Amino acid sequence: MARIRVSRVGEQVKKELSQLLQQELKDPRIGFVTVTAVEMSGDLQQAKVFISVLGSDEQKEATLAGLSRAKGFLRSEIGRRIHMKHTPELLFKFDESVEYGQHIEKLLGEMNGGSHKEE
């Protein structure tokens, strides 16, 4: 039963963070950010927020710096929107699975493209 609650709270945090990043946050360093997943700790004290950022490595680092700077605002807004006893601490991490998937897709495309040329 506890895992279901942790999962539901994680999904709610993901939804609220996505909305906050798109509509409320005005930091120019934060560009095209997508919240891909949120992993809550068992006691709901920490939330690992996995993000995907479009752009170069410099833009990604600037986005991460902007998010860490806005962490207090985001946490207070989540606490206001989701009524919990304790608002979780936010830890932002890059989601490498999107880039890995694109890399695999590119490799598969090259393999398929190469096999058609040989025929």
Protein backbone atom coordinates (compact mmCIF):
# COMPACT_ATOMS: atom_id res chain seq x y z
CA MET A 1 0.00 0.00 0.00
CA ALA A 2 2.86 2.38 0.79
CA ARG A 3 4.38 1.90 -2.67
CA ILE A 4 1.14 2.93 -4.31
CA ARG A 5 1.08 6.16 -2.31
CA VAL A 6 4.73 6.88 -3.10
CA SER A 7 4.01 6.34 -6.78
CA ARG A 8 0.92 8.57 -6.73
CA VAL A 9 2.75 11.36 -4.89
CA GLY A 10 5.62 11.10 -7.40
CA GLU A 11 3.23 11.45 -10.32
CA GLN A 12 1.57 14.46 -8.70
CA VAL A 13 4.95 16.12 -8.08
CA LYS A 14 5.89 15.44 -11.73
CA LYS A 15 2.65 17.02 -12.95
CA GLU A 16 3.02 20.11 -10.77
CA LEU A 17 6.71 20.57 -11.59
CA SER A 18 6.02 20.32 -15.31
CA GLN A 19 3.37 22.98 -15.02
CA LEU A 20 5.59 25.22 -12.90
CA LEU A 21 8.52 24.95 -15.30
CA GLN A 22 6.38 25.78 -18.32
CA GLN A 23 4.23 28.56 -16.92
CA GLU A 24 5.61 30.06 -13.71
CA LEU A 25 9.41 30.02 -13.95
CA LYS A 26 10.87 33.01 -15.79
CA ASP A 27 14.61 32.20 -15.62
CA PRO A 28 16.13 32.65 -19.11
CA ARG A 29 18.68 29.89 -18.43
CA ILE A 30 15.91 27.34 -18.25
CA GLY A 31 15.00 26.51 -21.82
CA PHE A 32 13.19 23.49 -23.18
CA VAL A 33 12.98 21.29 -20.10
CA THR A 34 10.85 18.17 -19.85
CA VAL A 35 10.29 16.36 -16.58
CA THR A 36 10.52 12.71 -17.61
CA ALA A 37 10.18 11.02 -14.21
CA VAL A 38 10.11 11.62 -10.47
CA GLU A 39 11.35 8.98 -8.02
CA MET A 40 10.21 9.53 -4.45
CA SER A 41 12.02 8.08 -1.47
CA GLY A 42 10.02 5.70 0.71
CA ASP A 43 9.50 8.33 3.42
CA LEU A 44 8.54 11.02 0.84
CA GLN A 45 11.37 13.30 2.03
CA GLN A 46 13.31 13.38 -1.26
CA ALA A 47 12.28 13.51 -4.88
CA LYS A 48 14.74 12.71 -7.66
CA VAL A 49 13.51 14.69 -10.63
CA PHE A 50 14.76 13.37 -13.97
CA ILE A 51 14.80 16.02 -16.68
CA SER A 52 15.49 16.08 -20.39
CA VAL A 53 16.88 19.27 -21.94
CA LEU A 54 17.10 20.16 -25.62
CA GLY A 55 20.30 21.94 -26.53
CA SER A 56 24.06 21.81 -26.22
CA ASP A 57 26.02 20.71 -23.17
CA GLU A 58 26.48 24.35 -22.13
CA GLN A 59 22.73 24.92 -22.28
CA LYS A 60 22.14 21.77 -20.24
CA GLU A 61 24.55 22.93 -17.54
CA ALA A 62 22.98 26.39 -17.50
CA THR A 63 19.55 24.80 -17.15
CA LEU A 64 20.73 22.67 -14.24
CA ALA A 65 22.22 25.76 -12.57
CA GLY A 66 18.96 27.65 -13.08
CA LEU A 67 16.94 24.80 -11.62
CA SER A 68 19.16 24.51 -8.58
CA ARG A 69 18.81 28.27 -8.09
CA ALA A 70 15.00 28.02 -8.33
CA LYS A 71 14.82 24.94 -6.09
CA GLY A 72 13.44 26.87 -3.11
CA PHE A 73 10.68 28.52 -5.16
CA LEU A 74 9.73 25.21 -6.78
CA ARG A 75 9.66 23.41 -3.45
CA SER A 76 7.49 26.07 -1.81
CA GLU A 77 5.07 26.04 -4.75
CA ILE A 78 4.81 22.26 -4.65
CA GLY A 79 4.16 22.46 -0.91
CA ARG A 80 1.41 24.97 -1.53
CA ARG A 81 -0.21 22.94 -4.32
CA ILE A 82 0.17 19.46 -2.84
CA HIS A 83 -0.93 19.41 0.76
CA MET A 84 1.65 17.23 2.50
CA LYS A 85 3.07 17.24 6.00
CA HIS A 86 6.61 17.70 4.63
CA THR A 87 7.51 19.00 1.20
CA PRO A 88 10.14 16.76 -0.42
CA GLU A 89 13.63 18.00 -1.18
CA LEU A 90 14.15 18.23 -4.95
CA LEU A 91 17.22 16.66 -6.57
CA PHE A 92 17.53 17.35 -10.30
CA LYS A 93 19.28 14.81 -12.53
CA PHE A 94 19.60 14.46 -16.29
CA ASP A 95 17.63 11.62 -17.85
CA GLU A 96 20.12 9.87 -20.10
CA SER A 97 17.57 7.37 -21.43
CA VAL A 98 16.21 9.79 -24.05
CA GLU A 99 19.66 10.43 -25.53
CA TYR A 100 20.49 6.73 -25.32
CA GLY A 101 17.28 5.88 -27.20
CA GLN A 102 18.12 8.41 -29.91
CA HIS A 103 21.61 6.94 -30.21
CA ILE A 104 20.23 3.40 -30.58
CA GLU A 105 17.69 4.60 -33.14
CA LYS A 106 20.48 6.26 -35.13
CA LEU A 107 22.56 3.07 -35.06
CA LEU A 108 19.60 0.97 -36.17
CA GLY A 109 18.91 3.44 -38.96
CA GLU A 110 22.51 3.20 -40.12
CA MET A 111 22.34 -0.61 -40.08
CA ASN A 112 19.10 -0.65 -42.05
CA GLY A 113 20.41 1.97 -44.46
CA GLY A 114 23.62 0.02 -44.99
CA SER A 115 21.83 -3.29 -45.67
CA HIS A 116 19.63 -1.70 -48.35
CA LYS A 117 22.65 -0.31 -50.17
CA GLU A 118 24.30 -3.74 -50.42
CA GLU A 119 21.31 -5.36 -52.17
